[in-house]
Amino acid sequence: MESLEVHDMYKMNGTKLRDLRKKRGLSLCRLSELTGISKSYLSIIERELHKNPSLEVLDKLATFFQVDVEYLVKGDRSEKIHSIEEPIKIIIKLEIELPHNRNNLQKLKQITELIEGFTEGS
């Protein structure tokens, strides 16, 4: 019986996943879009109908929520969700192609000022 308890202690904790998702204000559908994991599978994991997702799924979820895989599988549900309080950094890649003329140079200057405004707030 003791080995069963140790084994169960390292199964996926669906409640933690649901808490992380809700703290970010995400629906199952949106989390599915962002991680590439099907909505139905995420629901099954959250409801703890399947507690042994692949390492690939665990890694995708841990990376997305910026937590360790161990956090998702530990049995202690009373742990504080610490990563939610950290700021979320977003990288935006922008490529603009404009023909060289005076009007487009003005547009490019406006775009540059907009981008500088975002970076100043960081």
Protein backbone atom coordinates (compact mmCIF):
# COMPACT_ATOMS: atom_id res chain seq x y z
CA MET A 1 0.00 0.00 0.00
CA GLU A 2 2.85 2.39 0.79
CA SER A 3 4.30 2.21 -2.75
CA LEU A 4 0.87 3.06 -4.17
CA GLU A 5 0.81 6.27 -2.10
CA VAL A 6 4.25 7.31 -3.39
CA HIS A 7 3.18 6.56 -6.96
CA ASP A 8 -0.05 8.57 -6.57
CA MET A 9 1.90 11.50 -5.15
CA TYR A 10 3.54 12.07 -8.55
CA LYS A 11 0.50 11.98 -10.80
CA MET A 12 -0.78 15.02 -12.67
CA ASN A 13 -2.68 17.37 -10.40
CA GLY A 14 -5.67 18.55 -12.44
CA THR A 15 -6.73 21.05 -9.80
CA LYS A 16 -3.42 22.88 -10.09
CA LEU A 17 -3.80 23.04 -13.86
CA ARG A 18 -7.33 24.41 -13.55
CA ASP A 19 -6.17 26.99 -10.97
CA LEU A 20 -3.31 28.14 -13.21
CA ARG A 21 -5.65 28.43 -16.20
CA LYS A 22 -8.32 30.36 -14.31
CA LYS A 23 -5.81 32.73 -12.68
CA ARG A 24 -4.73 33.67 -16.21
CA GLY A 25 -8.35 34.14 -17.25
CA LEU A 26 -8.14 31.45 -19.94
CA SER A 27 -10.88 29.17 -21.18
CA LEU A 28 -10.07 25.56 -22.00
CA CYS A 29 -10.52 26.45 -25.66
CA ARG A 30 -7.99 29.31 -25.48
CA LEU A 31 -5.46 27.22 -23.53
CA SER A 32 -5.83 24.56 -26.19
CA GLU A 33 -5.10 27.09 -28.94
CA LEU A 34 -2.04 28.42 -27.11
CA THR A 35 -0.51 25.05 -26.20
CA GLY A 36 -1.59 22.79 -29.05
CA ILE A 37 -3.17 20.35 -26.58
CA SER A 38 -6.77 19.44 -27.40
CA LYS A 39 -9.53 21.05 -25.37
CA SER A 40 -11.07 17.67 -24.54
CA TYR A 41 -7.74 16.29 -23.31
CA LEU A 42 -7.15 19.35 -21.12
CA SER A 43 -10.63 18.89 -19.65
CA ILE A 44 -9.90 15.22 -18.92
CA ILE A 45 -6.66 16.19 -17.17
CA GLU A 46 -8.33 18.94 -15.12
CA ARG A 47 -11.10 16.58 -14.00
CA GLU A 48 -8.37 14.07 -13.09
CA LEU A 49 -9.84 11.36 -15.30
CA HIS A 50 -6.34 10.92 -16.74
CA LYS A 51 -3.46 11.54 -14.36
CA ASN A 52 -0.52 10.38 -16.48
CA PRO A 53 -0.11 12.70 -19.48
CA SER A 54 3.04 12.32 -21.54
CA LEU A 55 6.18 14.24 -20.67
CA GLU A 56 5.60 16.26 -23.84
CA VAL A 57 2.20 17.44 -22.57
CA LEU A 58 3.58 18.15 -19.09
CA ASP A 59 6.46 20.11 -20.60
CA LYS A 60 4.13 22.18 -22.81
CA LEU A 61 1.95 23.08 -19.83
CA ALA A 62 4.87 23.82 -17.51
CA THR A 63 6.54 25.99 -20.14
CA PHE A 64 3.34 27.88 -20.89
CA PHE A 65 2.57 28.57 -17.22
CA GLN A 66 6.25 29.16 -16.34
CA VAL A 67 6.32 26.52 -13.60
CA ASP A 68 8.39 23.39 -13.11
CA VAL A 69 6.93 20.08 -14.28
CA GLU A 70 7.32 18.92 -10.69
CA TYR A 71 4.85 21.60 -9.58
CA LEU A 72 2.18 20.11 -11.87
CA VAL A 73 2.63 16.57 -10.56
CA LYS A 74 3.18 17.11 -6.84
CA GLY A 75 0.34 15.94 -4.64
CA ASP A 76 0.29 18.94 -2.30
CA ARG A 77 -2.63 21.06 -3.48
CA SER A 78 -2.07 23.76 -0.86
CA GLU A 79 1.10 25.12 -2.54
CA LYS A 80 1.02 28.77 -3.48
CA ILE A 81 0.91 29.47 -7.20
CA HIS A 82 3.93 31.74 -7.26
CA SER A 83 4.51 32.21 -10.96
CA ILE A 84 1.18 34.00 -11.52
CA GLU A 85 2.47 37.03 -9.61
CA GLU A 86 5.47 37.38 -11.92
CA PRO A 87 5.05 39.65 -14.94
CA ILE A 88 4.36 37.94 -18.23
CA LYS A 89 6.82 38.90 -20.94
CA ILE A 90 5.67 38.91 -24.54
CA ILE A 91 7.95 39.01 -27.54
CA ILE A 92 6.50 40.62 -30.63
CA LYS A 93 8.31 40.21 -33.92
CA LEU A 94 7.38 42.80 -36.49
CA GLU A 95 8.48 42.96 -40.08
CA ILE A 96 7.39 45.92 -42.21
CA GLU A 97 8.22 46.43 -45.84
CA LEU A 98 7.57 49.90 -47.21
CA PRO A 99 8.62 51.37 -50.55
CA HIS A 100 11.09 54.22 -50.08
CA ASN A 101 9.22 57.51 -50.29
CA ARG A 102 8.56 60.49 -48.02
CA ASN A 103 5.06 59.37 -46.83
CA ASN A 104 6.31 55.92 -45.89
CA LEU A 105 9.25 57.39 -43.99
CA GLN A 106 6.75 59.33 -41.85
CA LYS A 107 4.76 56.12 -41.25
CA LEU A 108 7.96 54.31 -40.29
CA LYS A 109 8.82 57.09 -37.83
CA GLN A 110 5.36 56.74 -36.22
CA ILE A 111 5.76 52.97 -35.94
CA THR A 112 9.19 53.42 -34.36
CA GLU A 113 7.79 55.86 -31.80
CA LEU A 114 5.00 53.42 -30.98
CA ILE A 115 7.49 50.59 -30.41
CA GLU A 116 9.71 52.83 -28.28
CA GLY A 117 6.64 53.68 -26.19
CA PHE A 118 6.11 49.96 -25.46
CA THR A 119 9.74 49.37 -24.54
CA GLU A 120 9.90 52.38 -22.21
CA GLY A 121 7.15 50.83 -20.08
CA SER A 122 9.21 47.67 -19.51
